Protein backbone atom coordinates (compact mmCIF):
# COMPACT_ATOMS: atom_id res chain seq x y z
CA MET A 1 108.13 77.90 144.49
CA HIS A 2 107.21 76.83 141.20
CA ARG A 3 107.03 79.33 138.32
CA ILE A 4 103.53 80.89 138.34
CA PHE A 5 104.01 83.79 135.90
CA ARG A 6 102.98 83.57 132.22
CA ALA A 7 105.84 83.94 129.84
CA LEU A 8 105.52 87.74 128.93
CA GLY A 9 111.27 70.45 100.40
CA THR A 10 111.63 73.03 97.54
CA THR A 11 115.11 74.52 98.62
CA MET A 12 116.43 70.78 99.11
CA ALA A 13 115.22 69.83 95.46
CA ALA A 14 117.00 72.94 94.10
CA ALA A 15 120.15 72.06 96.16
CA LEU A 16 120.08 68.65 94.47
CA CYS A 17 119.61 69.95 91.04
CA LEU A 18 122.44 72.34 91.64
CA CYS A 19 124.75 69.54 92.75
CA SER A 20 124.06 67.83 89.45
CA CYS A 21 125.09 70.91 87.57
CA ILE A 22 128.34 71.18 89.19
CA GLY A 23 129.38 67.77 87.73
CA PRO A 24 128.83 64.17 88.03
CA THR A 25 130.83 62.20 90.68
CA THR A 26 130.36 58.83 88.71
CA SER A 27 130.00 57.66 85.26
CA ALA A 28 126.45 57.16 83.86
CA PRO A 29 125.07 56.01 80.43
CA PRO A 30 124.57 58.50 77.86
CA SER A 31 121.40 60.59 78.33
CA GLN A 32 119.05 61.89 75.67
CA LEU A 33 120.85 65.31 75.84
CA ASP A 34 124.27 63.64 75.28
CA ILE A 35 122.78 61.95 72.23
CA GLN A 36 121.55 65.19 71.01
CA VAL A 37 124.73 67.00 71.54
CA ARG A 38 126.79 64.33 69.81
CA SER A 39 124.61 64.30 66.60
CA ALA A 40 124.65 68.09 66.22
CA GLN A 41 127.68 70.19 65.37
CA LYS A 42 130.23 69.82 68.03
CA VAL A 43 131.42 73.36 68.64
CA SER A 44 128.03 75.08 68.63
CA ALA A 45 126.36 72.53 70.67
CA ASP A 46 129.21 72.45 73.47
CA ALA A 47 128.74 76.08 73.46
CA GLU A 48 124.94 76.00 73.67
CA VAL A 49 125.00 73.23 76.36
CA GLU A 50 127.68 75.26 78.44
CA ARG A 51 125.46 78.38 78.21
CA SER A 52 122.23 76.55 79.22
CA SER A 53 124.08 74.91 82.08
CA GLU A 54 125.73 78.07 83.36
CA ALA A 55 122.21 79.87 83.06
CA MET A 56 120.62 76.96 85.14
CA HIS A 57 123.50 76.96 87.66
CA SER A 58 123.18 80.84 88.26
CA TYR A 59 119.32 80.48 88.46
CA LEU A 60 119.48 77.70 91.17
CA VAL A 61 122.20 79.56 93.04
CA GLY A 62 119.95 82.62 93.01
CA GLN A 63 116.80 80.48 94.14
CA LEU A 64 118.91 79.13 97.17
CA ALA A 65 120.11 82.66 98.03
CA TYR A 66 116.71 84.09 97.78
CA ALA A 67 115.28 81.37 99.95
CA GLY A 68 118.00 82.15 102.61
CA GLU A 69 117.06 85.82 102.41
CA ASP A 70 120.58 86.67 100.81
CA PHE A 71 119.13 89.08 98.32
CA LYS A 72 122.41 90.62 97.10
CA THR A 73 123.75 87.07 96.05
CA ALA A 74 120.26 86.23 94.52
CA LEU A 75 120.30 89.61 92.42
CA GLU A 76 123.84 88.71 91.19
CA ASN A 77 122.87 85.19 89.98
CA PHE A 78 119.46 86.14 88.72
CA SER A 79 121.20 88.89 86.68
CA ALA A 80 123.71 86.41 85.21
CA ALA A 81 120.84 83.95 84.31
CA SER A 82 118.89 86.58 82.58
CA ARG A 83 121.74 87.57 80.48
CA LEU A 84 122.40 84.01 79.50
CA ILE A 85 118.78 82.76 78.43
CA LYS A 86 117.74 83.38 75.09
CA GLU A 87 113.83 83.37 75.53
CA PRO A 88 112.15 85.49 78.34
CA GLU A 89 111.27 83.69 81.49
CA PRO A 90 108.62 85.43 83.28
CA GLU A 91 109.16 84.03 86.90
CA LEU A 92 113.00 84.96 86.67
CA HIS A 93 112.42 88.57 85.27
CA SER A 94 109.72 89.26 87.74
CA ARG A 95 111.81 88.13 90.46
CA LEU A 96 114.65 90.41 89.30
CA ALA A 97 112.43 93.32 88.77
CA GLU A 98 111.28 93.13 92.29
CA LEU A 99 114.89 92.89 93.61
CA TYR A 100 115.94 95.78 91.51
CA VAL A 101 113.15 97.94 92.95
CA LYS A 102 114.29 96.88 96.34
CA SER A 103 117.84 98.08 95.61
CA GLY A 104 116.58 101.24 94.01
CA GLU A 105 117.80 100.46 90.54
CA LEU A 106 114.55 101.37 88.77
CA ASP A 107 115.77 101.49 85.09
CA LYS A 108 117.01 97.81 85.45
CA ALA A 109 113.88 96.91 87.17
CA LEU A 110 111.96 98.41 84.12
CA ALA A 111 113.91 96.32 81.91
CA GLU A 112 113.34 93.27 83.64
CA SER A 113 109.74 94.01 84.05
CA GLU A 114 109.18 94.47 80.38
CA LYS A 115 110.87 91.08 79.57
CA ALA A 116 108.53 89.43 82.16
CA LEU A 117 105.42 90.89 80.40
CA GLN A 118 106.52 89.78 76.93
CA THR A 119 105.62 86.13 77.74
CA ALA A 120 102.73 87.04 80.22
CA PRO A 121 101.19 90.32 79.17
CA ASN A 122 98.02 90.04 81.04
CA ASP A 123 99.33 88.90 84.55
CA PRO A 124 97.68 91.50 86.86
CA GLN A 125 100.28 91.59 89.54
CA ARG A 126 103.25 91.79 86.97
CA MET A 127 101.22 94.60 85.20
CA LEU A 128 100.75 96.48 88.64
CA LEU A 129 104.46 96.18 89.24
CA HIS A 130 105.30 97.31 85.85
CA ALA A 131 103.03 100.49 86.21
CA GLY A 132 104.45 101.28 89.61
CA ILE A 133 108.18 101.21 88.22
CA LEU A 134 106.87 103.54 85.27
CA GLU A 135 105.22 105.97 87.74
CA SER A 136 108.34 105.91 90.02
CA LEU A 137 110.40 106.90 87.02
CA LYS A 138 107.99 109.71 86.39
CA ARG A 139 106.82 108.21 83.05
CA PHE A 140 103.20 108.97 83.69
CA ASP A 141 101.96 108.80 80.06
CA HIS A 142 103.41 105.11 79.85
CA ALA A 143 102.13 104.12 83.31
CA GLU A 144 98.39 105.53 82.51
CA PRO A 145 97.54 102.86 79.72
CA VAL A 146 98.97 99.81 81.87
CA TYR A 147 96.61 100.99 84.72
CA ARG A 148 93.62 101.36 82.00
CA SER A 149 94.38 97.93 80.56
CA LEU A 150 94.47 96.35 84.07
CA ILE A 151 90.83 97.97 84.75
CA GLU A 152 89.57 96.59 81.58
CA SER A 153 90.68 93.15 82.23
CA ASN A 154 90.22 93.10 85.94
CA PRO A 155 87.15 95.46 86.50
CA THR A 156 86.68 94.44 90.18
CA MET A 157 90.28 94.90 91.11
CA SER A 158 90.31 98.08 93.15
CA GLU A 159 94.25 98.93 93.23
CA PRO A 160 94.46 100.05 89.54
CA TYR A 161 91.53 102.37 89.93
CA ILE A 162 93.12 104.06 93.02
CA LEU A 163 96.44 104.20 91.68
CA LEU A 164 95.34 105.68 88.20
CA ALA A 165 93.26 108.19 90.22
CA ALA A 166 96.48 109.11 92.26
CA LEU A 167 98.39 109.62 89.06
CA TYR A 168 95.70 111.98 87.67
CA ALA A 169 95.76 113.91 90.95
CA LYS A 170 99.55 114.10 90.79
CA THR A 171 99.45 115.41 87.35
CA GLU A 172 96.78 117.86 88.10
CA ARG A 173 93.80 116.13 86.32
CA LEU A 174 91.29 115.96 89.13
CA PRO A 175 88.18 115.45 86.95
CA LYS A 176 89.84 112.41 85.58
CA ALA A 177 90.68 111.10 89.03
CA VAL A 178 87.02 111.74 89.94
CA GLU A 179 85.97 109.76 86.91
CA ALA A 180 88.49 106.63 87.68
CA LEU A 181 87.06 106.42 91.13
CA ARG A 182 83.35 106.74 90.19
CA ALA A 183 84.12 103.83 87.88
CA LEU A 184 85.42 101.83 90.89
CA ILE A 185 82.39 102.64 92.97
CA VAL A 186 80.13 101.32 90.27
CA LYS A 187 82.23 98.14 89.98
CA VAL A 188 82.84 97.45 93.68
CA PRO A 189 80.35 99.32 95.71
CA ASP A 190 81.25 97.84 98.89
CA GLU A 191 84.88 98.82 98.67
CA PRO A 192 85.50 101.76 101.21
CA SER A 193 88.63 103.11 99.63
CA GLY A 194 86.88 104.13 96.58
CA PHE A 195 84.68 106.34 98.55
CA TYR A 196 87.57 107.52 100.58
CA TYR A 197 89.75 108.60 97.74
CA LEU A 198 86.65 110.14 95.75
CA ALA A 199 86.11 112.15 98.82
CA HIS A 200 89.70 113.52 98.85
CA ALA A 201 89.19 114.40 95.01
CA PHE A 202 86.14 116.47 95.98
CA GLU A 203 87.92 118.07 98.92
CA GLU A 204 90.63 119.03 96.68
CA GLN A 205 88.03 120.54 94.28
CA GLY A 206 86.62 122.57 97.15
CA ASP A 207 83.23 120.57 97.01
CA LEU A 208 82.94 119.79 100.71
CA ALA A 209 79.38 118.60 100.55
CA GLN A 210 80.44 115.92 98.27
CA ALA A 211 83.57 115.08 100.28
CA GLU A 212 81.43 114.67 103.43
CA LYS A 213 78.85 112.28 101.45
CA GLN A 214 81.53 110.29 100.20
CA LEU A 215 83.50 110.05 103.54
CA LEU A 216 80.24 109.07 105.37
CA ARG A 217 79.63 106.23 103.06
CA ALA A 218 83.20 104.95 103.57
CA HIS A 219 82.80 105.44 107.32
CA GLU A 220 79.83 103.11 107.10
CA LEU A 221 81.77 100.38 105.13
CA SER A 222 84.83 100.68 107.30
CA ARG A 223 83.80 101.44 111.09
CA GLY A 224 86.75 101.64 113.40
CA ASN A 225 89.06 103.14 110.86
CA HIS A 226 90.30 106.13 112.86
CA ASP A 227 92.30 107.69 110.17
CA LEU A 228 89.16 107.91 107.98
CA THR A 229 87.24 109.37 110.68
CA LEU A 230 89.81 111.96 111.39
CA ASP A 231 89.41 112.86 107.68
CA LEU A 232 85.71 113.26 108.17
CA VAL A 233 86.46 115.73 111.17
CA ARG A 234 88.74 117.89 109.01
CA VAL A 235 85.86 118.20 106.45
CA TYR A 236 83.40 118.96 109.11
CA LEU A 237 85.66 121.80 110.68
CA LYS A 238 86.06 123.25 107.08
CA GLU A 239 82.26 123.41 106.94
CA ARG A 240 82.07 124.65 110.55
CA LYS A 241 79.97 121.71 111.51
CA VAL A 242 81.39 121.74 115.22
CA ASP A 243 78.90 119.33 116.68
CA GLU A 244 79.50 116.73 113.96
CA ALA A 245 83.25 117.06 114.32
CA LYS A 246 82.71 116.40 118.17
CA ASN A 247 80.79 113.31 117.68
CA ALA A 248 83.19 112.00 115.24
CA LEU A 249 86.16 112.81 117.69
CA SER A 250 84.20 111.16 120.53
CA GLU A 251 83.82 107.95 118.48
CA VAL A 252 87.57 107.75 117.96
CA LEU A 253 88.36 108.43 121.70
CA GLU A 254 85.74 105.94 122.86
CA ALA A 255 87.68 103.25 121.05
CA ASP A 256 90.96 104.55 121.87
CA PRO A 257 91.10 107.12 124.89
CA LYS A 258 94.76 107.81 124.33
CA HIS A 259 94.61 108.79 120.46
CA VAL A 260 96.98 111.69 120.65
CA LEU A 261 95.76 113.47 117.52
CA ALA A 262 92.05 113.01 118.37
CA ARG A 263 92.47 114.39 122.03
CA ARG A 264 94.56 117.29 120.68
CA VAL A 265 91.86 118.31 118.16
CA MET A 266 89.04 117.86 120.61
CA GLY A 267 90.92 119.97 123.18
CA GLN A 268 91.30 122.85 120.58
CA ILE A 269 87.44 122.57 119.57
CA MET A 270 86.50 122.56 123.31
CA LEU A 271 88.40 126.16 123.77
CA GLY A 272 85.78 127.80 121.46
CA GLU A 273 84.94 129.03 117.98
CA ASN A 274 88.24 131.13 117.87
CA LYS A 275 90.41 127.90 118.23
CA LEU A 276 88.77 126.04 115.23
CA GLU A 277 91.62 127.04 112.90
CA ASP A 278 94.24 125.60 115.38
CA ALA A 279 92.31 122.28 115.48
CA LEU A 280 92.09 122.34 111.68
CA GLU A 281 95.75 122.83 111.35
CA HIS A 282 96.50 119.45 113.39
CA LEU A 283 94.64 117.71 110.58
CA THR A 284 96.22 119.30 107.45
CA VAL A 285 99.14 116.92 107.65
CA LEU A 286 96.78 114.19 106.80
CA GLU A 287 95.48 116.23 103.80
CA THR A 288 98.83 116.94 102.53
CA LEU A 289 99.91 113.42 102.72
CA GLU A 290 97.08 112.12 100.61
CA LYS A 291 98.16 114.41 97.82
CA ASP A 292 101.41 112.48 97.63
CA SER A 293 101.25 109.37 95.19
CA ALA A 294 103.65 107.60 97.34
CA GLU A 295 101.35 107.83 100.21
CA THR A 296 98.44 106.42 98.08
CA ARG A 297 100.53 103.64 97.21
CA PHE A 298 101.47 103.16 100.87
CA LYS A 299 97.64 102.79 101.52
CA VAL A 300 97.37 100.23 98.80
CA ALA A 301 100.10 98.24 100.49
CA LEU A 302 98.28 98.24 103.61
CA ILE A 303 95.07 97.02 101.93
CA GLN A 304 97.18 94.19 100.45
CA MET A 305 98.42 93.29 103.99
CA GLN A 306 94.99 93.23 105.37
CA ARG A 307 94.11 90.70 102.64
CA GLN A 308 97.25 88.74 103.37
CA ASN A 309 98.64 89.32 99.92
CA TYR A 310 102.00 89.71 101.19
CA LYS A 311 103.91 89.55 98.03
CA GLU A 312 101.93 92.30 96.54
CA ALA A 313 102.29 94.33 99.68
CA VAL A 314 106.00 94.00 99.60
CA ASN A 315 105.97 95.14 95.82
CA GLU A 316 104.00 98.29 96.65
CA LEU A 317 106.10 99.16 99.86
CA ASN A 318 109.27 98.72 97.79
CA LEU A 319 107.97 101.16 95.20
CA VAL A 320 107.14 103.46 98.14
CA LEU A 321 110.60 103.29 99.33
CA ALA A 322 111.98 103.61 95.94
CA GLN A 323 110.34 107.17 95.74
CA ASN A 324 110.80 108.01 99.26
CA PRO A 325 113.69 106.02 101.10
CA LYS A 326 112.94 107.96 104.32
CA HIS A 327 109.31 106.70 104.59
CA GLU A 328 109.73 105.23 107.89
CA HIS A 329 106.10 103.70 108.10
CA ALA A 330 106.73 102.00 104.69
CA ARG A 331 110.11 100.61 106.11
CA TYR A 332 108.25 99.39 109.33
CA TYR A 333 105.48 97.76 107.68
CA LEU A 334 107.84 96.18 104.99
CA GLY A 335 109.68 94.65 108.02
CA SER A 336 106.42 93.41 109.37
CA VAL A 337 105.36 91.74 106.12
CA TYR A 338 108.82 90.07 105.97
CA ALA A 339 108.18 88.70 109.38
CA ALA A 340 104.66 87.40 108.71
CA SER A 341 105.78 85.72 105.80
CA GLY A 342 108.83 83.95 107.55
CA LYS A 343 111.67 86.18 106.12
CA ARG A 344 112.95 87.10 109.54
CA LYS A 345 116.58 88.03 108.53
CA GLU A 346 115.16 90.45 105.94
CA ALA A 347 112.59 91.82 108.44
CA LEU A 348 115.47 92.63 110.75
CA LYS A 349 117.49 94.29 107.86
CA GLU A 350 114.45 96.70 106.98
CA LEU A 351 113.75 97.42 110.66
CA ALA A 352 117.52 98.43 111.33
CA LYS A 353 117.33 101.03 108.46
CA ILE A 354 114.83 103.14 110.47
CA LYS A 355 117.07 105.98 111.99
CA GLN A 356 117.48 106.96 115.61
CA ASP A 357 115.82 110.47 114.86
CA GLN A 358 112.83 108.90 113.33
CA GLU A 359 109.46 108.63 115.10
CA LEU A 360 109.28 104.65 114.69
CA PHE A 361 112.85 104.06 115.86
CA VAL A 362 111.71 102.70 119.25
CA LYS A 363 108.96 100.70 117.88
CA GLY A 364 111.20 99.25 115.23
CA ARG A 365 113.82 98.32 117.80
CA LEU A 366 111.29 96.74 120.09
CA PHE A 367 109.98 94.57 117.18
CA SER A 368 113.53 93.51 116.22
CA ALA A 369 114.06 92.49 119.91
CA PHE A 370 110.94 90.40 119.74
CA ILE A 371 111.97 88.63 116.57
CA GLN A 372 115.43 88.09 117.92
CA ARG A 373 114.18 86.53 121.00
CA GLU A 374 111.69 84.33 119.18
CA ASP A 375 114.87 83.16 117.10
CA GLY A 376 116.76 82.41 120.33
CA ASP A 377 119.34 85.36 119.59
CA LEU A 378 119.22 86.81 123.08
CA ASP A 379 122.29 88.80 122.58
CA GLY A 380 120.82 90.52 119.55
CA SER A 381 117.33 90.96 121.38
CA GLU A 382 119.12 92.52 124.28
CA ARG A 383 121.22 94.86 122.12
CA SER A 384 118.02 95.95 120.29
CA ILE A 385 116.04 96.70 123.36
CA ARG A 386 118.83 98.63 125.13
CA GLU A 387 118.87 100.83 121.88
CA ALA A 388 115.19 101.53 122.34
CA TYR A 389 115.71 102.06 126.12
CA GLN A 390 118.40 104.57 125.51
CA ARG A 391 116.20 106.51 123.19
CA GLU A 392 113.06 106.56 125.37
CA PRO A 393 113.94 105.56 128.90
CA ASP A 394 110.43 106.44 130.19
CA ASN A 395 108.73 104.03 127.46
CA LYS A 396 106.92 101.44 129.75
CA ARG A 397 106.77 98.91 127.26
CA THR A 398 110.43 99.11 126.33
CA PHE A 399 111.22 99.00 129.95
CA SER A 400 109.20 95.98 130.69
CA TYR A 401 110.66 93.93 127.78
CA LEU A 402 114.16 94.95 128.98
CA ILE A 403 113.31 93.57 132.36
CA LEU A 404 111.87 90.52 130.90
CA LEU A 405 115.06 89.87 128.90
CA LEU A 406 117.38 90.57 131.78
CA ARG A 407 115.41 87.98 133.84
CA GLU A 408 115.84 85.39 131.02
CA ARG A 409 119.49 86.03 130.76
CA HIS A 410 119.61 85.75 134.77
CA LYS A 411 121.01 89.33 134.93
CA PHE A 412 118.84 89.73 138.19
CA ASP A 413 120.93 92.14 139.76
CA GLU A 414 120.80 94.47 136.97
CA ALA A 415 117.03 94.04 136.67
CA GLU A 416 116.61 94.83 140.37
CA LYS A 417 118.66 97.95 140.31
CA LEU A 418 116.54 99.17 137.33
CA LEU A 419 113.39 98.45 139.07
CA ARG A 420 114.47 100.06 142.20
CA GLY A 421 115.26 103.17 140.31
CA ALA A 422 112.03 103.36 138.61
CA LEU A 423 110.30 102.89 141.99
CA ALA A 424 112.10 105.85 143.33
CA VAL A 425 110.22 107.91 140.91
CA GLU A 426 106.87 106.03 141.06
CA PRO A 427 106.82 104.30 144.60
CA ARG A 428 103.18 103.49 144.13
CA ASN A 429 103.23 101.91 140.77
CA ASP A 430 101.75 98.61 141.33
CA LYS A 431 103.15 97.15 138.02
CA LEU A 432 106.68 98.20 138.93
CA LEU A 433 106.21 96.99 142.50
CA PHE A 434 105.08 93.50 141.03
CA GLN A 435 108.01 93.41 138.70
CA HIS A 436 110.34 94.07 141.52
CA ALA A 437 108.86 91.45 143.64
CA VAL A 438 109.19 88.92 140.87
CA VAL A 439 112.94 89.78 140.61
CA LEU A 440 113.38 89.68 144.29
CA HIS A 441 112.03 86.13 144.03
CA ASP A 442 114.55 85.39 141.23
CA LEU A 443 117.32 86.51 143.47
CA GLY A 444 116.20 84.15 146.24
CA ARG A 445 115.04 87.04 148.55
CA ASP A 446 111.63 85.23 149.03
CA ALA A 447 110.57 87.13 152.24
CA GLU A 448 111.22 90.56 150.73
CA SER A 449 109.30 89.29 147.47
CA MET A 450 106.35 88.25 149.69
CA ALA A 451 106.39 91.67 151.26
CA GLY A 452 106.53 93.33 147.84
CA MET A 453 103.51 91.28 146.66
CA GLU A 454 101.50 92.36 149.87
CA GLN A 455 102.19 95.93 149.03
CA VAL A 456 100.93 95.42 145.34
CA ILE A 457 97.72 93.95 146.83
CA LYS A 458 97.31 96.92 149.25
CA LEU A 459 97.60 99.47 146.19
CA ASN A 460 95.63 97.25 143.87
CA PRO A 461 93.22 94.55 145.49
CA ARG A 462 92.44 93.20 142.05
CA HIS A 463 96.00 92.59 140.88
CA SER A 464 95.48 89.08 140.09
CA ASP A 465 98.96 87.77 139.82
CA ALA A 466 99.96 89.18 143.13
CA LEU A 467 96.85 87.60 144.70
CA ASN A 468 97.80 84.18 143.15
CA TYR A 469 101.53 84.80 144.27
CA VAL A 470 100.84 85.48 147.81
CA ALA A 471 98.11 82.54 147.94
CA TYR A 472 100.62 80.04 146.59
CA GLY A 473 103.32 81.28 149.01
CA LEU A 474 100.92 80.77 151.95
CA ALA A 475 99.92 77.24 150.64
CA GLU A 476 103.71 76.26 150.17
CA SER A 477 104.61 77.24 153.68
CA GLY A 478 101.32 75.73 155.22
CA LYS A 479 100.54 79.18 156.76
CA ASP A 480 96.89 80.80 157.08
CA MET A 481 95.41 78.41 154.48
CA ALA A 482 92.14 80.23 154.72
CA ARG A 483 93.59 83.46 153.65
CA ALA A 484 95.48 81.67 150.76
CA GLU A 485 92.00 80.29 149.70
CA GLU A 486 90.43 83.68 149.92
CA LEU A 487 93.22 85.31 147.97
CA VAL A 488 93.27 82.91 144.96
CA LYS A 489 89.57 82.96 144.75
CA ALA A 490 89.64 86.72 144.46
CA ALA A 491 92.13 86.15 141.63
CA LEU A 492 89.82 83.87 139.77
CA GLU A 493 87.24 86.38 140.03
CA VAL A 494 89.41 88.55 137.79
CA LYS A 495 90.63 85.57 135.48
CA PRO A 496 88.17 82.83 136.24
CA ASN A 497 89.88 80.39 133.75
CA ASP A 498 93.49 80.99 134.49
CA GLY A 499 95.35 77.58 134.74
CA TYR A 500 97.95 78.82 137.18
CA TYR A 501 95.27 80.36 139.58
CA LEU A 502 93.21 77.02 139.31
CA ASP A 503 96.47 75.29 140.26
CA THR A 504 97.12 77.22 143.31
CA LEU A 505 93.26 76.71 144.37
CA GLY A 506 93.65 73.14 143.88
CA TRP A 507 96.86 72.84 145.67
CA ILE A 508 95.38 74.44 148.65
CA TYR A 509 92.66 72.03 148.73
CA PHE A 510 95.36 69.19 148.41
CA LYS A 511 97.22 70.47 151.49
CA GLN A 512 93.99 70.68 153.26
CA GLY A 513 93.19 67.04 152.51
CA ARG A 514 90.21 67.96 150.39
CA LEU A 515 91.22 65.42 147.61
CA ALA A 516 87.96 64.99 145.70
CA ASP A 517 87.77 68.86 145.25
CA ALA A 518 91.50 69.14 144.59
CA GLU A 519 91.32 66.50 141.86
CA GLU A 520 88.55 68.35 139.99
CA ILE A 521 90.24 71.81 140.15
CA LEU A 522 93.85 70.36 139.23
CA ALA A 523 92.34 68.36 136.24
CA GLN A 524 91.08 71.83 134.92
CA ALA A 525 94.35 73.34 135.65
CA ALA A 526 96.48 70.82 134.07
CA ASN A 527 94.17 70.72 130.92
CA GLY A 528 94.76 74.33 130.65
CA SER A 529 98.37 74.58 131.35
CA GLU A 530 99.83 71.39 129.92
CA GLU A 531 103.24 72.99 129.09
CA ASP A 532 103.80 73.94 132.74
CA ILE A 533 105.36 70.57 134.17
CA VAL A 534 104.79 71.48 137.75
CA VAL A 535 101.19 72.10 137.47
CA VAL A 536 100.73 68.64 135.79
CA GLU A 537 102.74 67.15 138.72
CA HIS A 538 100.32 68.54 141.10
CA TYR A 539 97.72 66.87 139.36
CA GLY A 540 99.75 63.59 139.42
CA ASP A 541 100.26 63.91 143.15
CA CYS A 542 96.61 64.21 143.74
CA LEU A 543 95.83 61.19 141.71
CA ILE A 544 98.62 59.17 143.72
CA ALA A 545 96.99 60.48 147.08
CA LEU A 546 93.63 59.05 145.65
CA GLN A 547 95.50 55.86 144.90
CA LYS A 548 94.55 56.28 141.08
CA PHE A 549 98.03 54.99 140.08
CA GLU A 550 97.19 54.05 136.57
CA LYS A 551 95.90 57.42 135.72
CA ALA A 552 98.61 59.11 137.68
CA ALA A 553 101.32 57.28 135.71
CA GLU A 554 99.63 58.35 132.45
CA VAL A 555 99.53 61.97 133.37
CA LEU A 556 103.14 62.07 134.78
CA GLN A 557 104.59 60.14 131.77
CA ALA A 558 102.96 62.64 129.30
CA ALA A 559 104.35 65.53 131.35
CA ILE A 560 107.90 63.93 131.02
CA ASP A 561 107.43 63.35 127.23
CA ARG A 562 106.58 66.91 126.79
CA SER A 563 109.46 68.18 128.75
CA SER A 564 112.03 65.86 127.45
CA ALA A 565 113.69 68.46 125.18
CA SER A 566 113.75 71.23 127.71
CA THR A 567 117.10 72.87 128.51
CA SER A 568 116.00 74.65 131.72
CA ALA A 569 117.77 73.34 134.82
CA GLU A 570 114.65 73.79 137.02
CA GLN A 571 112.65 71.89 134.38
CA ARG A 572 115.20 68.93 134.55
CA ARG A 573 115.10 68.84 138.23
CA VAL A 574 111.21 68.61 138.00
CA VAL A 575 111.44 65.75 135.59
CA GLU A 576 113.98 63.80 137.57
CA ARG A 577 111.51 64.25 140.59
CA ILE A 578 108.60 62.90 138.49
CA LYS A 579 110.66 59.90 137.36
CA VAL A 580 111.24 58.89 140.86
CA LYS A 581 107.50 59.07 141.75
CA LEU A 582 106.71 57.10 138.53
CA GLU A 583 109.13 54.38 139.69
CA ARG A 584 107.56 54.12 142.91
CA ILE A 585 103.92 53.77 141.78
CA LYS A 586 104.81 51.20 139.11
CA SER A 587 106.59 49.14 141.64
CA PRO A 588 104.55 46.12 142.84
CA LEU A 589 105.45 46.91 146.38
CA SER A 590 103.92 50.20 146.28
CA VAL A 591 100.58 50.23 148.05
CA ASN A 592 100.77 53.48 149.74
CA PRO A 593 100.38 56.85 148.23
CA VAL A 594 103.64 58.71 147.21
CA LYS A 595 104.11 61.57 149.38
CA ALA A 596 104.17 64.82 147.34
CA ALA A 597 107.66 66.44 147.36
CA HIS A 598 108.70 69.80 146.02
């Protein structure tokens, strides 16, 4: 039975430059630099050239290390280059400032940031980083004018308004915070964060009517933002507007029925008026967080992520972590940004820093397992997912991913044992039964696997993968073809364009001798599942049976070409089988259709 389940130049240039810095391997004519050096005073010129060469060497080594995500080596070499150069180099100093923030060395970060701004004083991202470092060092009086200068030169950039308002709130200057946020709303009226933070400022002042008004405006501009809606619920409850609070909670639960906080608050409200304070208590944590400037900076980082400004998001998240190294959400999202921008090793390092007793530990281990699996590190992926499973053995996502990895590593006996144990607790769980049947198939216990799939269908008649499995099994065995057709058509009602299901239907038609129908359906299946060589082989078999040899050869050769690099033993067997078919249909003696052999 074939597999029918879905599978759950800059650095080089720098390296060449670096080699040239290390020393020539052959003699060459004197360069212009050589001539200049010889015409100057010998001692000072040699020292200057040596210093310049050493600075360039350190910079290039740092660049290579940075590109390879070896940030410790990058920091050491960039620091050396910074000490050696005479004139400020903004790119170098900015990179150093970012790395010092990442390592928590804020005083050094500030020194490098100041150097970067000497030659690029109006660069908005460097100014934001500089203000963030100052604020993290609690130098609020120095950070404030940087934010103000940013606003003056970039009046439609929302981040400096928000961060300035957070600074004012932190230093107990709420009227100034309101002033900054009102200015943002005037300049960028379609930016929901301005109304959002203005609402928090009014709520802090006790002006609930204004807080409600601003949150409603933010809600209009950012529908689907559950955190914002829950803030609105909190204000409604403070105002004793119970019906409005229920409506807002219903909106959240309609979009996400499992939203834990929304369900908890709704439950307290439904118990009656005397439970409103309990309901409100669940929401006070959100209010408390908003008074933390690090939390505001975290929200700004999320905005940058949504805009795909990954470099800026990294800077903001590192500043959050400099203030609060235990901020697990910042750590998780920093890992996510690194992964999204291709820095997968650094992503894994950040995710590994989430401690076992933290809420996001399992999520972080699961994400790590995914990255490692994508990179081909199945040992690391298995270790990560086992750590997550050990912490939360009842987490179904973690369990399913562990089973997937065990199957990929051919640890079928362990996978079967785990699934059998899970089924002892939940014997009527169709998802577990399906996974167990798949593993039984992996173990070659096909009769038991088929019986398990039949049980899945009894429990869930619309389980399309089980329907397709049984249909294909019947087609392969040539038994009860009418039922096989009925089952796969039921699967296609659930997923009408699924390539594997179409392949099963086409194969049934082929087995029944309905070649014209089979050709039409198998062509659709092959177009939708080009990466599955067996699906394409079925289409080729049908074309051969119809004596469309030229088209069959084209289809089968393309399948071989796509699978030439495969390391799977099963794939290689299919490729060899197809090669035999190709030889036969290309032979001038071949006048009869080639028999399909699987």
